């Protein structure tokens, strides 16, 4: 391509970014959906456009409530989010839901059925629901969830919900992306205290026992009481907020108003204490190092020599011929040698 052609292509790309950013800030839902698709793309040219778009939208960050919701499979996350979303809308606010579905390790496929599980919310123009596959990313969130949240915030949504895959040892990454972290449990479904990792409890700002209705109502009360007692033994994540435990029935809408009020109280507590800005700074730092880690892995896999070395070291680790820690040092040494040769 000629120099003039490259300049023209660059100018066209900038114009596209400006047009998309303008449309998103005007509330164009199609532009928002296209932007998230662009952000999730792994193509290098798309990555450049996505970064430019996010930079253009950054000044619109900071106003939304970022709410993370995690819970065991069967806890009723989708039903709960729909009930909460309807309450948010009834209060005059708008809501965007970024739902992460688990991906198959064999096929890489994902069902992405969250819209079908939130029929009323997905039909409301004041709500935006975007399911994304988790892929190979750990932590219950997709790799580009942060960027998608930034775009939704720039689009003017008042509440951004990040729904994780489910509870597990690594299901805490979402806590580095949100202001309020809600852990959803179900009575009589294996959610006893020993079944939940201490780490995720320490991060939770709100613990909600769902399905508190019918025959499960007494059990839900007992589970909530157990968690209140357990929280007394843990140090709160912030001095500005003491984690709360409550019950609800998302199916019947009971207790949802109280939960929304608790989320609002949590936001006020963070703003009043100055912890909100502290959280946002920590979120940006976490974003930096997560991207550094991912970019280094991508760089290694793109370089043919490094990819070949990685595959061979991986084979040796799998056969037991070498320790993983030794293989990691060998790979780092190879990178250092290559950089020394380039100099």
Protein backbone atom coordinates (compact mmCIF):
# COMPACT_ATOMS: atom_id res chain seq x y z
CA UNK A 1 0.00 0.00 0.00
CA UNK A 2 1.24 3.50 -0.87
CA UNK A 3 1.86 6.15 1.77
CA UNK A 4 -1.18 8.11 0.55
CA UNK A 5 -3.30 4.96 0.73
CA UNK A 6 -2.15 4.25 4.29
CA UNK A 7 -2.93 7.84 5.36
CA UNK A 8 -6.37 7.67 3.73
CA UNK A 9 -7.09 4.34 5.44
CA UNK A 10 -5.99 5.77 8.78
CA UNK A 11 -8.22 8.82 8.34
CA UNK A 12 -11.17 6.60 7.44
CA UNK A 13 -10.57 4.50 10.56
CA UNK A 14 -10.49 7.63 12.74
CA UNK A 15 -13.71 8.84 11.15
CA UNK A 16 -15.37 5.49 11.86
CA UNK A 17 -14.28 5.65 15.48
CA UNK A 18 -15.61 9.20 15.90
CA UNK A 19 -18.92 8.30 14.25
CA UNK A 20 -19.31 5.19 16.41
CA UNK A 21 -18.42 7.06 19.61
CA UNK A 22 -20.93 9.81 18.75
CA UNK A 23 -23.66 7.25 18.04
CA UNK A 24 -22.98 5.39 21.29
CA UNK A 25 -23.15 8.58 23.35
CA UNK A 26 -26.44 9.36 21.63
CA UNK A 27 -27.85 6.05 22.87
CA UNK A 28 -27.76 4.14 19.57
CA UNK A 29 -28.18 0.50 20.64
CA UNK A 30 -27.01 -0.92 17.31
CA UNK A 31 -23.82 1.11 17.50
CA UNK A 32 -23.32 -0.16 21.05
CA UNK A 33 -23.76 -3.78 19.97
CA UNK A 34 -21.38 -3.32 17.03
CA UNK A 35 -18.81 -1.70 19.32
CA UNK A 36 -18.84 -4.64 21.73
CA UNK A 37 -18.44 -7.03 18.79
CA UNK A 38 -15.45 -4.98 17.68
CA UNK A 39 -13.99 -5.01 21.20
CA UNK A 40 -14.34 -8.79 21.44
CA UNK A 41 -12.60 -9.38 18.10
CA UNK A 42 -9.08 -10.79 18.19
CA UNK A 43 -8.04 -9.28 14.83
CA UNK A 44 -5.15 -6.83 15.20
CA UNK A 45 -6.78 -4.12 13.05
CA UNK A 46 -10.00 -4.44 15.05
CA UNK A 47 -7.98 -4.21 18.25
CA UNK A 48 -6.51 -0.87 17.15
CA UNK A 49 -9.96 0.51 16.30
CA UNK A 50 -11.36 -0.80 19.60
CA UNK A 51 -8.60 0.86 21.62
CA UNK A 52 -9.16 4.15 19.80
CA UNK A 53 -12.91 3.90 20.45
CA UNK A 54 -12.44 3.20 24.16
CA UNK A 55 -10.03 6.14 24.49
CA UNK A 56 -12.62 8.38 22.86
CA UNK A 57 -15.25 7.20 25.34
CA UNK A 58 -13.14 7.30 28.51
CA UNK A 59 -14.30 10.81 29.53
CA UNK A 60 -17.82 9.38 29.94
CA UNK A 61 -16.67 6.86 32.57
CA UNK A 62 -17.30 7.02 36.29
CA UNK A 63 -21.01 7.71 36.73
CA UNK A 64 -22.59 4.26 36.53
CA UNK A 65 -22.97 1.75 39.32
CA UNK A 66 -20.85 -1.27 38.40
CA UNK A 67 -22.41 -4.34 39.97
CA UNK A 68 -20.87 -7.80 39.85
CA UNK A 69 -23.14 -10.80 40.43
CA UNK A 70 -21.82 -14.30 40.99
CA UNK A 71 -23.47 -17.41 42.31
CA UNK A 72 -23.60 -21.15 42.09
CA UNK A 73 -25.37 -22.77 39.11
CA UNK A 74 -29.04 -23.09 40.00
CA UNK A 75 -29.08 -20.07 42.31
CA UNK A 76 -31.32 -18.27 39.83
CA UNK A 77 -28.95 -15.55 38.62
CA UNK A 78 -30.87 -14.80 35.43
CA UNK A 79 -34.24 -14.64 37.21
CA UNK A 80 -32.68 -12.46 39.91
CA UNK A 81 -31.07 -10.10 37.41
CA UNK A 82 -34.36 -9.73 35.53
CA UNK A 83 -36.22 -8.94 38.77
CA UNK A 84 -33.52 -6.47 39.85
CA UNK A 85 -33.43 -4.91 36.38
CA UNK A 86 -37.18 -4.32 36.45
CA UNK A 87 -36.81 -2.62 39.84
CA UNK A 88 -33.96 -0.44 38.54
CA UNK A 89 -36.12 0.62 35.60
CA UNK A 90 -39.11 1.26 37.88
CA UNK A 91 -36.84 3.62 39.85
CA UNK A 92 -36.23 5.63 36.68
CA UNK A 93 -32.77 4.23 35.89
CA UNK A 94 -31.42 2.25 32.94
CA UNK A 95 -29.48 -0.99 33.09
CA UNK A 96 -26.99 -2.90 30.93
CA UNK A 97 -26.29 -6.58 31.62
CA UNK A 98 -23.05 -8.15 30.42
CA UNK A 99 -23.61 -11.85 30.96
CA UNK A 100 -20.79 -14.35 30.55
CA UNK A 101 -21.67 -17.91 29.54
CA UNK A 102 -19.31 -20.85 30.01
CA UNK A 103 -17.58 -22.10 26.88
CA UNK A 104 -16.97 -25.70 26.00
CA UNK A 105 -13.31 -26.69 26.36
CA UNK A 106 -13.76 -29.10 23.45
CA UNK A 107 -15.59 -27.01 20.89
CA UNK A 108 -15.17 -23.51 22.27
CA UNK A 109 -18.91 -23.04 21.82
CA UNK A 110 -21.24 -21.27 24.20
CA UNK A 111 -25.03 -21.38 24.53
CA UNK A 112 -25.43 -17.61 25.15
CA UNK A 113 -29.00 -18.08 26.36
CA UNK A 114 -29.27 -15.18 28.80
CA UNK A 115 -31.70 -13.18 26.67
CA UNK A 116 -34.12 -16.10 26.60
CA UNK A 117 -33.86 -16.38 30.40
CA UNK A 118 -34.65 -12.65 30.84
CA UNK A 119 -37.59 -12.22 28.43
CA UNK A 120 -39.22 -9.17 30.03
CA UNK A 121 -35.99 -7.29 30.61
CA UNK A 122 -34.64 -8.00 27.13
CA UNK A 123 -37.83 -6.56 25.61
CA UNK A 124 -37.48 -3.27 27.49
CA UNK A 125 -35.72 -0.45 25.60
CA UNK A 126 -34.33 0.85 28.90
CA UNK A 127 -32.30 -2.34 29.29
CA UNK A 128 -29.45 -3.73 27.20
CA UNK A 129 -28.43 -7.39 27.54
CA UNK A 130 -25.25 -8.70 25.95
CA UNK A 131 -24.18 -12.33 26.43
CA UNK A 132 -20.53 -13.19 25.73
CA UNK A 133 -18.62 -16.49 25.82
CA UNK A 134 -16.05 -16.89 28.58
CA UNK A 135 -13.66 -18.63 26.20
CA UNK A 136 -10.44 -19.68 27.89
CA UNK A 137 -10.51 -16.74 30.31
CA UNK A 138 -10.54 -17.61 34.01
CA UNK A 139 -12.32 -15.63 36.68
CA UNK A 140 -15.87 -16.04 35.43
CA UNK A 141 -15.66 -13.12 33.01
CA UNK A 142 -14.73 -12.70 29.37
CA UNK A 143 -11.41 -11.15 28.42
CA UNK A 144 -12.92 -7.90 27.15
CA UNK A 145 -15.66 -7.48 29.77
CA UNK A 146 -14.02 -4.33 31.18
CA UNK A 147 -13.98 -2.63 27.81
CA UNK A 148 -17.59 -3.62 27.14
CA UNK A 149 -18.57 -2.09 30.49
CA UNK A 150 -16.81 1.18 29.56
CA UNK A 151 -18.79 1.36 26.32
CA UNK A 152 -22.09 0.67 28.10
CA UNK A 153 -21.27 3.36 30.65
CA UNK A 154 -20.50 5.82 27.85
CA UNK A 155 -23.86 4.93 26.30
CA UNK A 156 -25.47 6.39 29.42
CA UNK A 157 -26.60 3.28 31.28
CA UNK A 158 -26.95 3.98 34.99
CA UNK A 159 -26.29 0.44 36.21
CA UNK A 160 -23.84 -1.99 34.59
CA UNK A 161 -24.30 -5.60 35.74
CA UNK A 162 -21.49 -8.09 35.17
CA UNK A 163 -22.86 -11.60 35.57
CA UNK A 164 -20.17 -14.25 36.00
CA UNK A 165 -20.21 -17.89 34.97
CA UNK A 166 -20.52 -19.19 38.53
CA UNK A 167 -18.70 -19.71 41.81
CA UNK A 168 -15.33 -21.41 41.81
CA UNK A 169 -11.77 -20.88 42.93
CA UNK A 170 -11.13 -18.28 40.24
CA UNK A 171 -14.57 -16.63 40.27
CA UNK A 172 -13.21 -13.48 41.90
CA UNK A 173 -11.83 -11.62 38.88
CA UNK A 174 -15.09 -9.71 38.56
CA UNK A 175 -14.43 -8.07 41.95
CA UNK A 176 -11.57 -6.14 40.30
CA UNK A 177 -14.01 -4.69 37.77
CA UNK A 178 -16.96 -3.57 39.88
CA UNK A 179 -17.89 -1.22 42.71
CA UNK A 180 -20.34 -3.59 44.39
CA UNK A 181 -19.99 -7.39 44.41
CA UNK A 182 -23.12 -9.44 45.09
CA UNK A 183 -22.95 -13.16 45.88
CA UNK A 184 -26.19 -15.03 45.13
CA UNK A 185 -26.97 -18.29 46.92
CA UNK A 186 -29.82 -20.78 46.97
CA UNK A 187 -31.06 -22.66 50.05
CA UNK A 188 -30.77 -26.42 50.08
CA UNK A 189 -28.56 -26.53 46.99
CA UNK A 190 -25.14 -27.21 48.48
CA UNK A 191 -24.51 -23.60 49.47
CA UNK A 192 -23.56 -24.45 53.03
CA UNK A 193 -20.66 -22.49 54.46
CA UNK A 194 -18.09 -25.14 53.70
CA UNK A 195 -19.24 -25.16 50.07
CA UNK A 196 -18.31 -21.54 49.39
CA UNK A 197 -14.72 -20.39 49.13
CA UNK A 198 -13.66 -18.00 51.88
CA UNK A 199 -12.01 -15.72 49.32
CA UNK A 200 -15.23 -14.94 47.49
CA UNK A 201 -17.04 -14.31 50.78
CA UNK A 202 -14.39 -11.80 51.81
CA UNK A 203 -14.98 -9.90 48.57
CA UNK A 204 -18.78 -9.85 48.75
CA UNK A 205 -20.47 -6.58 49.64
CA UNK A 206 -23.92 -8.17 49.58
CA UNK A 207 -24.87 -11.82 50.10
CA UNK A 208 -28.37 -12.67 48.91
CA UNK A 209 -30.13 -15.97 49.54
CA UNK A 210 -32.58 -16.41 46.68
CA UNK A 211 -35.65 -18.70 46.42
CA UNK A 212 -36.87 -17.64 49.87
CA UNK A 213 -40.44 -18.75 49.22
CA UNK A 214 -42.71 -21.73 49.81
CA UNK A 215 -41.14 -24.75 51.48
CA UNK A 216 -37.64 -23.21 51.13
CA UNK A 217 -38.50 -20.07 53.13
CA UNK A 218 -37.36 -21.43 56.55
CA UNK A 219 -34.17 -22.89 55.08
CA UNK A 220 -33.38 -19.60 53.36
CA UNK A 221 -33.64 -17.84 56.70
CA UNK A 222 -31.28 -20.34 58.32
CA UNK A 223 -28.73 -20.01 55.52
CA UNK A 224 -28.84 -16.21 55.79
CA UNK A 225 -28.34 -16.43 59.57
CA UNK A 226 -25.33 -18.74 59.08
CA UNK A 227 -23.72 -16.28 56.68
CA UNK A 228 -24.35 -13.32 58.96
CA UNK A 229 -22.55 -15.19 61.72
CA UNK A 230 -19.70 -16.16 59.41
CA UNK A 231 -19.21 -12.57 58.24
CA UNK A 232 -18.61 -11.51 61.84
CA UNK A 233 -15.39 -13.54 61.70
CA UNK A 234 -14.14 -11.88 58.49
CA UNK A 235 -12.61 -8.46 58.05
CA UNK A 236 -14.71 -6.25 55.73
CA UNK A 237 -13.09 -5.44 52.38
CA UNK A 238 -13.70 -1.73 53.06
CA UNK A 239 -13.97 0.27 56.26
CA UNK A 240 -16.76 2.24 54.60
CA UNK A 241 -19.16 -0.71 54.34
CA UNK A 242 -20.16 -3.67 56.47
CA UNK A 243 -21.32 -6.53 54.18
CA UNK A 244 -25.02 -7.30 54.42
CA UNK A 245 -26.92 -10.58 54.13
CA UNK A 246 -30.53 -10.73 53.02
CA UNK A 247 -33.08 -13.05 51.43
CA UNK A 248 -35.32 -12.67 48.43
CA UNK A 249 -37.59 -14.48 46.02
CA UNK A 250 -36.67 -13.30 42.56
CA UNK A 251 -39.45 -15.42 41.08
CA UNK A 252 -42.12 -13.58 43.08
CA UNK A 253 -40.30 -10.26 43.41
CA UNK A 254 -40.07 -10.36 47.19
CA UNK A 255 -37.13 -8.49 48.72
CA UNK A 256 -35.87 -7.01 45.45
CA UNK A 257 -36.67 -3.43 46.48
CA UNK A 258 -34.60 -3.88 49.66
CA UNK A 259 -31.66 -5.23 47.64
CA UNK A 260 -31.75 -2.28 45.23
CA UNK A 261 -31.82 0.09 48.21
CA UNK A 262 -28.82 -1.72 49.72
CA UNK A 263 -26.93 -1.32 46.43
CA UNK A 264 -27.72 2.40 46.49
CA UNK A 265 -26.62 2.70 50.13
CA UNK A 266 -23.36 0.97 49.26
CA UNK A 267 -22.74 3.47 46.46
CA UNK A 268 -23.39 6.43 48.77
CA UNK A 269 -21.04 4.93 51.38
CA UNK A 270 -18.25 4.59 48.81
CA UNK A 271 -18.73 8.13 47.49
CA UNK A 272 -18.92 9.69 50.95
CA UNK A 273 -15.78 7.94 52.20
CA UNK A 274 -13.76 8.53 49.02
CA UNK A 275 -13.47 4.76 48.49
CA UNK A 276 -15.19 4.91 45.12
CA UNK A 277 -12.27 6.74 43.52
CA UNK A 278 -9.85 4.38 45.25
CA UNK A 279 -11.73 1.42 43.80
CA UNK A 280 -11.72 2.94 40.34
CA UNK A 281 -7.95 3.51 40.50
CA UNK A 282 -7.43 -0.11 41.55
CA UNK A 283 -9.69 -1.26 38.72
CA UNK A 284 -7.57 0.62 36.20
CA UNK A 285 -4.35 -0.87 37.62
CA UNK A 286 -5.82 -4.38 37.48
CA UNK A 287 -6.92 -3.70 33.89
CA UNK A 288 -3.35 -2.73 33.00
CA UNK A 289 -1.71 -5.87 34.35
CA UNK A 290 -4.38 -8.23 33.02
CA UNK A 291 -3.82 -6.76 29.56
CA UNK A 292 -0.02 -6.98 29.93
CA UNK A 293 -0.30 -10.66 30.83
CA UNK A 294 -2.68 -11.40 27.94
CA UNK A 295 -0.59 -9.39 25.45
CA UNK A 296 2.59 -11.27 26.40
CA UNK A 297 0.89 -14.62 25.88
CA UNK A 298 -0.49 -13.44 22.51
CA UNK A 299 2.94 -12.23 21.46
CA UNK A 300 4.53 -15.56 22.32
CA UNK A 301 1.91 -17.49 20.38
CA UNK A 302 2.20 -15.25 17.31
CA UNK A 303 5.99 -15.66 17.03
CA UNK A 304 6.69 -18.98 15.23
CA UNK A 305 9.90 -19.74 17.15
CA UNK A 306 8.38 -18.91 20.53
CA UNK A 307 5.22 -20.86 19.71
CA UNK A 308 7.28 -23.88 18.76
CA UNK A 309 9.30 -23.62 21.99
CA UNK A 310 6.08 -23.29 24.00
CA UNK A 311 4.59 -26.37 22.35
CA UNK A 312 7.72 -28.41 23.00
CA UNK A 313 7.98 -27.30 26.62
CA UNK A 314 4.30 -28.00 27.08
CA UNK A 315 4.78 -31.51 25.70
CA UNK A 316 7.69 -32.14 28.08
CA UNK A 317 5.64 -30.90 31.03
CA UNK A 318 2.73 -33.16 30.10
CA UNK A 319 4.96 -36.21 29.83
CA UNK A 320 6.60 -35.43 33.15
CA UNK A 321 10.07 -34.87 31.65
CA UNK A 322 10.35 -31.36 33.09
CA UNK A 323 8.80 -29.37 35.90
CA UNK A 324 6.35 -26.58 34.95
CA UNK A 325 8.47 -24.05 36.86
CA UNK A 326 11.60 -25.15 34.97
CA UNK A 327 9.76 -24.93 31.65
CA UNK A 328 8.58 -21.43 32.50
CA UNK A 329 12.16 -20.30 33.26
CA UNK A 330 13.41 -21.83 30.00
CA UNK A 331 10.78 -19.92 28.07
CA UNK A 332 11.65 -16.63 29.78
CA UNK A 333 15.37 -17.28 29.15
CA UNK A 334 14.61 -17.84 25.44
CA UNK A 335 12.76 -14.51 25.26
CA UNK A 336 15.68 -12.75 26.98
CA UNK A 337 18.15 -14.32 24.54
CA UNK A 338 16.09 -13.25 21.54
CA UNK A 339 15.84 -9.67 22.82
CA UNK A 340 19.62 -9.60 23.43
CA UNK A 341 20.22 -10.76 19.86
CA UNK A 342 17.92 -8.03 18.52
CA UNK A 343 19.96 -5.40 20.36
